[in-house]
């Protein structure tokens, strides 16, 4: 699994590489404006799964992987983008958008990325 997250003052770009481009049904990656992001934090896998609804496109195998687009449990029309395998802690980025209302990725630098994004949110 390869996810590249690039954080600048204005945007967060999430690029998927290799098979993840197709497993997430998002070959171009995701471009999020900082103005649309409401929060970024590290969450436990079980907490993140609590908000997930139906799989719209991608793959899901309990305890092993969640990739692609999923509905938001209590928000009609909203979609979450996931690229997660077995990590117990995940980076969750919440937005004001409907698609994606949340991006959940597995990344080795998740704590640093959550901090970088949070710092830029605090400057608004």
N, C-alpha and C. Protein backbone atom coordinates (compact mmCIF):
# COMPACT_ATOMS: atom_id res chain seq x y z
N UNK A 1 0.83 -1.17 0.00
CA UNK A 1 0.00 0.00 0.00
C UNK A 1 0.88 1.25 0.00
N UNK A 2 0.57 2.15 -0.91
CA UNK A 2 1.34 3.38 -0.99
C UNK A 2 0.40 4.57 -1.10
N UNK A 3 0.42 5.39 -0.08
CA UNK A 3 -0.36 6.62 -0.07
C UNK A 3 0.61 7.76 0.21
N UNK A 4 0.60 8.77 -0.66
CA UNK A 4 1.43 9.95 -0.46
C UNK A 4 0.51 11.10 -0.08
N UNK A 5 0.83 11.76 1.03
CA UNK A 5 0.04 12.90 1.49
C UNK A 5 0.96 14.12 1.50
N UNK A 6 0.57 15.14 0.73
CA UNK A 6 1.34 16.38 0.62
C UNK A 6 0.52 17.50 1.24
N UNK A 7 1.09 18.16 2.25
CA UNK A 7 0.39 19.23 2.96
C UNK A 7 1.07 20.55 2.67
N UNK A 8 0.28 21.53 2.23
CA UNK A 8 0.78 22.90 2.06
C UNK A 8 -0.17 23.82 2.82
N UNK A 9 0.10 25.11 2.77
CA UNK A 9 -0.75 26.06 3.49
C UNK A 9 -2.17 26.12 2.93
N UNK A 10 -2.34 25.80 1.65
CA UNK A 10 -3.64 25.93 1.00
C UNK A 10 -4.35 24.62 0.70
N UNK A 11 -3.61 23.53 0.53
CA UNK A 11 -4.23 22.26 0.12
C UNK A 11 -3.57 21.06 0.79
N UNK A 12 -4.32 19.97 0.76
CA UNK A 12 -3.80 18.65 1.11
C UNK A 12 -4.06 17.77 -0.11
N UNK A 13 -2.99 17.26 -0.69
CA UNK A 13 -3.10 16.37 -1.84
C UNK A 13 -2.80 14.95 -1.38
N UNK A 14 -3.69 14.04 -1.74
CA UNK A 14 -3.53 12.64 -1.39
C UNK A 14 -3.43 11.87 -2.70
N UNK A 15 -2.29 11.22 -2.90
CA UNK A 15 -2.05 10.46 -4.12
C UNK A 15 -1.89 8.99 -3.77
N UNK A 16 -2.55 8.16 -4.55
CA UNK A 16 -2.46 6.72 -4.38
C UNK A 16 -1.56 6.17 -5.47
N UNK A 17 -0.74 5.20 -5.13
CA UNK A 17 0.19 4.61 -6.10
C UNK A 17 -0.12 3.12 -6.26
N UNK A 18 0.36 2.58 -7.36
CA UNK A 18 0.21 1.15 -7.61
C UNK A 18 -1.23 0.71 -7.66
N UNK A 19 -1.48 -0.44 -7.07
CA UNK A 19 -2.81 -1.04 -7.10
C UNK A 19 -3.83 -0.19 -6.32
N UNK A 20 -3.37 0.63 -5.39
CA UNK A 20 -4.29 1.46 -4.61
C UNK A 20 -5.02 2.48 -5.47
N UNK A 21 -4.45 2.88 -6.59
CA UNK A 21 -5.16 3.78 -7.51
C UNK A 21 -6.49 3.16 -7.92
N UNK A 22 -6.47 1.88 -8.17
CA UNK A 22 -7.67 1.19 -8.66
C UNK A 22 -8.49 0.64 -7.51
N UNK A 23 -7.85 0.23 -6.42
CA UNK A 23 -8.58 -0.31 -5.28
C UNK A 23 -9.45 0.77 -4.62
N UNK A 24 -9.02 2.02 -4.70
CA UNK A 24 -9.79 3.12 -4.11
C UNK A 24 -10.79 3.73 -5.08
N UNK A 25 -10.77 3.29 -6.33
CA UNK A 25 -11.62 3.89 -7.37
C UNK A 25 -11.33 5.38 -7.47
N UNK A 26 -10.06 5.74 -7.30
CA UNK A 26 -9.65 7.14 -7.30
C UNK A 26 -8.26 7.25 -7.92
N UNK A 27 -8.11 7.00 -9.25
CA UNK A 27 -6.78 6.97 -9.87
C UNK A 27 -6.08 8.32 -9.89
N UNK A 28 -6.81 9.41 -9.81
CA UNK A 28 -6.19 10.75 -9.84
C UNK A 28 -5.83 11.27 -8.45
N UNK A 29 -6.21 10.57 -7.41
CA UNK A 29 -5.95 11.05 -6.06
C UNK A 29 -7.01 12.03 -5.62
N UNK A 30 -6.81 12.62 -4.46
CA UNK A 30 -7.79 13.55 -3.90
C UNK A 30 -7.12 14.86 -3.56
N UNK A 31 -7.72 15.95 -3.98
CA UNK A 31 -7.23 17.31 -3.75
C UNK A 31 -8.22 17.99 -2.81
N UNK A 32 -7.77 18.32 -1.60
CA UNK A 32 -8.64 18.96 -0.61
C UNK A 32 -8.12 20.35 -0.29
N UNK A 33 -8.96 21.34 -0.47
CA UNK A 33 -8.59 22.70 -0.08
C UNK A 33 -8.63 22.79 1.44
N UNK A 34 -7.68 23.52 1.99
CA UNK A 34 -7.62 23.68 3.44
C UNK A 34 -8.91 24.31 3.98
N UNK A 35 -9.54 25.16 3.16
CA UNK A 35 -10.79 25.81 3.57
C UNK A 35 -11.92 24.81 3.75
N UNK A 36 -11.83 23.65 3.10
CA UNK A 36 -12.88 22.62 3.20
C UNK A 36 -12.63 21.61 4.31
N UNK A 37 -11.44 21.64 4.91
CA UNK A 37 -11.09 20.67 5.95
C UNK A 37 -11.51 21.21 7.31
N UNK A 38 -12.19 20.38 8.09
CA UNK A 38 -12.62 20.79 9.43
C UNK A 38 -11.75 20.20 10.53
N UNK A 39 -11.17 19.03 10.28
CA UNK A 39 -10.33 18.39 11.30
C UNK A 39 -9.45 17.32 10.67
N UNK A 40 -8.34 17.06 11.31
CA UNK A 40 -7.46 15.95 10.93
C UNK A 40 -6.90 15.38 12.22
N UNK A 41 -7.09 14.09 12.40
CA UNK A 41 -6.62 13.47 13.63
C UNK A 41 -6.36 11.99 13.42
N UNK A 42 -5.63 11.42 14.33
CA UNK A 42 -5.37 9.99 14.31
C UNK A 42 -6.47 9.33 15.13
N UNK A 43 -7.10 8.32 14.55
CA UNK A 43 -8.20 7.62 15.22
C UNK A 43 -7.93 6.13 15.25
N UNK A 44 -8.52 5.48 16.21
CA UNK A 44 -8.46 4.02 16.28
C UNK A 44 -9.32 3.45 15.15
N UNK A 45 -8.91 2.33 14.63
CA UNK A 45 -9.64 1.69 13.54
C UNK A 45 -11.12 1.47 13.88
N UNK A 46 -11.39 0.99 15.09
CA UNK A 46 -12.78 0.71 15.49
C UNK A 46 -13.62 1.99 15.52
N UNK A 47 -13.02 3.09 15.95
CA UNK A 47 -13.73 4.38 15.98
C UNK A 47 -14.07 4.84 14.55
N UNK A 48 -13.12 4.72 13.65
CA UNK A 48 -13.35 5.13 12.26
C UNK A 48 -14.41 4.25 11.60
N UNK A 49 -14.40 2.97 11.88
CA UNK A 49 -15.38 2.07 11.29
C UNK A 49 -16.80 2.33 11.80
N UNK A 50 -16.91 2.99 12.94
CA UNK A 50 -18.22 3.29 13.50
C UNK A 50 -19.06 4.23 12.64
N UNK A 51 -18.41 5.01 11.78
CA UNK A 51 -19.13 5.95 10.92
C UNK A 51 -19.33 5.45 9.50
N UNK A 52 -18.74 4.31 9.19
CA UNK A 52 -18.79 3.81 7.82
C UNK A 52 -20.14 3.16 7.54
N UNK A 53 -20.63 3.38 6.32
CA UNK A 53 -21.90 2.79 5.91
C UNK A 53 -21.68 1.74 4.83
N UNK A 54 -22.48 1.80 3.81
CA UNK A 54 -22.40 0.84 2.70
C UNK A 54 -21.22 1.13 1.80
N UNK A 55 -20.64 0.07 1.26
CA UNK A 55 -19.58 0.21 0.27
C UNK A 55 -20.21 0.58 -1.06
N UNK A 56 -19.71 1.66 -1.66
CA UNK A 56 -20.21 2.13 -2.95
C UNK A 56 -19.31 1.66 -4.08
N UNK A 57 -18.01 1.68 -3.86
CA UNK A 57 -17.05 1.21 -4.85
C UNK A 57 -15.73 0.96 -4.16
N UNK A 58 -15.16 -0.22 -4.36
CA UNK A 58 -13.90 -0.54 -3.71
C UNK A 58 -13.97 -1.92 -3.09
N UNK A 59 -13.16 -2.13 -2.08
CA UNK A 59 -13.11 -3.44 -1.45
C UNK A 59 -13.23 -3.36 0.05
N UNK A 60 -13.74 -4.42 0.66
CA UNK A 60 -13.84 -4.49 2.11
C UNK A 60 -13.72 -5.94 2.54
N UNK A 61 -12.80 -6.18 3.45
CA UNK A 61 -12.63 -7.49 4.07
C UNK A 61 -12.41 -7.19 5.55
N UNK A 62 -13.34 -7.56 6.43
CA UNK A 62 -13.24 -7.19 7.84
C UNK A 62 -11.88 -7.53 8.46
N UNK A 63 -11.27 -6.53 9.07
CA UNK A 63 -9.99 -6.70 9.74
C UNK A 63 -8.79 -6.69 8.81
N UNK A 64 -9.01 -6.68 7.51
CA UNK A 64 -7.90 -6.74 6.56
C UNK A 64 -7.79 -5.52 5.66
N UNK A 65 -8.90 -5.08 5.07
CA UNK A 65 -8.81 -3.92 4.19
C UNK A 65 -10.15 -3.23 4.03
N UNK A 66 -10.06 -1.95 3.78
CA UNK A 66 -11.21 -1.11 3.41
C UNK A 66 -10.66 -0.09 2.43
N UNK A 67 -11.02 -0.23 1.17
CA UNK A 67 -10.53 0.67 0.13
C UNK A 67 -11.69 1.14 -0.72
N UNK A 68 -11.63 2.39 -1.12
CA UNK A 68 -12.66 2.92 -2.01
C UNK A 68 -13.64 3.83 -1.30
N UNK A 69 -14.85 3.89 -1.85
CA UNK A 69 -15.87 4.82 -1.40
C UNK A 69 -16.93 4.12 -0.57
N UNK A 70 -17.28 4.74 0.55
CA UNK A 70 -18.30 4.22 1.46
C UNK A 70 -19.25 5.35 1.83
N UNK A 71 -20.49 5.00 2.12
CA UNK A 71 -21.44 6.01 2.57
C UNK A 71 -21.13 6.38 4.02
N UNK A 72 -21.63 7.53 4.41
CA UNK A 72 -21.54 7.99 5.81
C UNK A 72 -22.82 7.53 6.50
N UNK A 73 -22.68 6.92 7.64
CA UNK A 73 -23.82 6.28 8.30
C UNK A 73 -25.00 7.23 8.56
N UNK A 74 -24.77 8.41 9.07
CA UNK A 74 -25.88 9.31 9.45
C UNK A 74 -25.94 10.59 8.63
N UNK A 75 -25.42 10.57 7.41
CA UNK A 75 -25.39 11.78 6.59
C UNK A 75 -25.73 11.41 5.15
N UNK A 76 -26.95 11.64 4.77
CA UNK A 76 -27.44 11.23 3.46
C UNK A 76 -26.65 11.90 2.34
N UNK A 77 -26.24 11.11 1.37
CA UNK A 77 -25.52 11.61 0.21
C UNK A 77 -24.02 11.80 0.42
N UNK A 78 -23.54 11.66 1.63
CA UNK A 78 -22.12 11.86 1.92
C UNK A 78 -21.34 10.58 1.65
N UNK A 79 -20.08 10.75 1.21
CA UNK A 79 -19.20 9.62 0.91
C UNK A 79 -17.85 9.78 1.60
N UNK A 80 -17.34 8.67 2.09
CA UNK A 80 -16.00 8.62 2.68
C UNK A 80 -15.07 7.90 1.72
N UNK A 81 -13.82 8.36 1.66
CA UNK A 81 -12.79 7.70 0.85
C UNK A 81 -11.83 7.00 1.80
N UNK A 82 -11.64 5.71 1.61
CA UNK A 82 -10.78 4.91 2.48
C UNK A 82 -9.67 4.23 1.70
N UNK A 83 -8.49 4.16 2.32
CA UNK A 83 -7.38 3.34 1.82
C UNK A 83 -6.64 2.82 3.05
N UNK A 84 -7.16 1.72 3.58
CA UNK A 84 -6.70 1.19 4.87
C UNK A 84 -6.51 -0.32 4.75
N UNK A 85 -5.45 -0.80 5.37
CA UNK A 85 -5.23 -2.24 5.42
C UNK A 85 -5.29 -2.70 6.87
N UNK A 86 -4.22 -3.04 7.52
CA UNK A 86 -4.30 -3.64 8.85
C UNK A 86 -3.91 -2.74 10.02
N UNK A 87 -3.47 -1.53 9.79
CA UNK A 87 -3.02 -0.67 10.89
C UNK A 87 -4.15 -0.42 11.90
N UNK A 88 -3.81 -0.41 13.19
CA UNK A 88 -4.82 -0.13 14.21
C UNK A 88 -5.12 1.37 14.36
N UNK A 89 -4.19 2.24 13.92
CA UNK A 89 -4.39 3.69 13.97
C UNK A 89 -4.39 4.25 12.55
N UNK A 90 -5.31 5.18 12.30
CA UNK A 90 -5.49 5.71 10.96
C UNK A 90 -5.55 7.23 10.99
N UNK A 91 -5.21 7.85 9.87
CA UNK A 91 -5.35 9.29 9.72
C UNK A 91 -6.73 9.56 9.13
N UNK A 92 -7.54 10.35 9.83
CA UNK A 92 -8.88 10.71 9.36
C UNK A 92 -8.92 12.22 9.14
N UNK A 93 -9.30 12.62 7.94
CA UNK A 93 -9.43 14.03 7.58
C UNK A 93 -10.90 14.30 7.28
N UNK A 94 -11.53 15.11 8.10
CA UNK A 94 -12.95 15.46 7.92
C UNK A 94 -13.08 16.75 7.13
N UNK A 95 -14.11 16.80 6.27
CA UNK A 95 -14.32 17.98 5.43
C UNK A 95 -15.77 18.44 5.50
N UNK A 96 -16.03 19.59 4.92
CA UNK A 96 -17.39 20.11 4.79
C UNK A 96 -18.05 19.62 3.51
N UNK A 97 -17.32 18.91 2.67
CA UNK A 97 -17.82 18.42 1.40
C UNK A 97 -18.70 17.18 1.59
N UNK A 98 -19.49 16.88 0.58
CA UNK A 98 -20.24 15.62 0.61
C UNK A 98 -19.41 14.46 0.08
N UNK A 99 -18.57 14.75 -0.93
CA UNK A 99 -17.71 13.72 -1.50
C UNK A 99 -16.32 14.28 -1.72
N UNK A 100 -15.39 13.96 -0.85
CA UNK A 100 -15.49 13.12 0.33
C UNK A 100 -15.79 13.95 1.59
N UNK A 101 -16.64 13.43 2.42
CA UNK A 101 -16.89 14.08 3.71
C UNK A 101 -15.80 13.70 4.69
N UNK A 102 -15.13 12.59 4.38
CA UNK A 102 -14.02 12.12 5.23
C UNK A 102 -13.08 11.28 4.38
N UNK A 103 -11.78 11.47 4.63
CA UNK A 103 -10.76 10.64 4.00
C UNK A 103 -10.04 9.90 5.12
N UNK A 104 -9.97 8.59 5.00
CA UNK A 104 -9.30 7.77 6.02
C UNK A 104 -8.21 6.97 5.32
N UNK A 105 -6.97 7.19 5.75
CA UNK A 105 -5.84 6.50 5.12
C UNK A 105 -4.91 5.91 6.17
N UNK A 106 -4.20 4.90 5.75
CA UNK A 106 -3.15 4.30 6.55
C UNK A 106 -1.84 4.92 6.08
N UNK A 107 -1.10 5.53 7.00
CA UNK A 107 0.16 6.19 6.64
C UNK A 107 1.13 6.08 7.80
N UNK A 108 2.40 5.79 7.55
CA UNK A 108 3.36 5.64 8.66
C UNK A 108 3.59 6.94 9.43
N UNK A 109 3.38 8.09 8.80
CA UNK A 109 3.58 9.39 9.46
C UNK A 109 2.26 10.04 9.85
N UNK A 110 1.28 9.24 10.21
CA UNK A 110 -0.07 9.76 10.49
C UNK A 110 -0.10 10.81 11.60
N UNK A 111 0.69 10.64 12.64
CA UNK A 111 0.69 11.61 13.74
C UNK A 111 1.25 12.96 13.27
N UNK A 112 2.33 12.92 12.52
CA UNK A 112 2.92 14.15 11.99
C UNK A 112 1.98 14.84 11.01
N UNK A 113 1.35 14.08 10.14
CA UNK A 113 0.43 14.66 9.16
C UNK A 113 -0.77 15.31 9.85
N UNK A 114 -1.32 14.65 10.86
CA UNK A 114 -2.45 15.23 11.60
C UNK A 114 -2.03 16.54 12.25
N UNK A 115 -0.81 16.58 12.77
CA UNK A 115 -0.31 17.81 13.39
C UNK A 115 -0.10 18.90 12.34
N UNK A 116 0.52 18.57 11.19
CA UNK A 116 0.76 19.56 10.13
C UNK A 116 -0.56 20.17 9.64
N UNK A 117 -1.53 19.33 9.41
CA UNK A 117 -2.83 19.83 8.93
C UNK A 117 -3.50 20.66 10.01
N UNK A 118 -3.47 20.20 11.25
CA UNK A 118 -4.06 20.95 12.35
C UNK A 118 -3.44 22.31 12.54
N UNK A 119 -2.12 22.40 12.39
CA UNK A 119 -1.43 23.69 12.48
C UNK A 119 -1.93 24.66 11.41
N UNK A 120 -2.13 24.19 10.21
CA UNK A 120 -2.60 25.05 9.13
C UNK A 120 -4.06 25.43 9.32
N UNK A 121 -4.85 24.55 9.91
CA UNK A 121 -6.25 24.88 10.21
C UNK A 121 -6.34 25.97 11.27
N UNK A 122 -5.40 25.94 12.21
CA UNK A 122 -5.38 26.96 13.26
C UNK A 122 -5.04 28.34 12.77
N UNK A 123 -4.43 28.44 11.60
CA UNK A 123 -4.05 29.75 11.04
C UNK A 123 -5.20 30.46 10.34
N UNK A 124 -6.30 29.76 10.13
CA UNK A 124 -7.42 30.38 9.41
C UNK A 124 -8.09 31.43 10.24
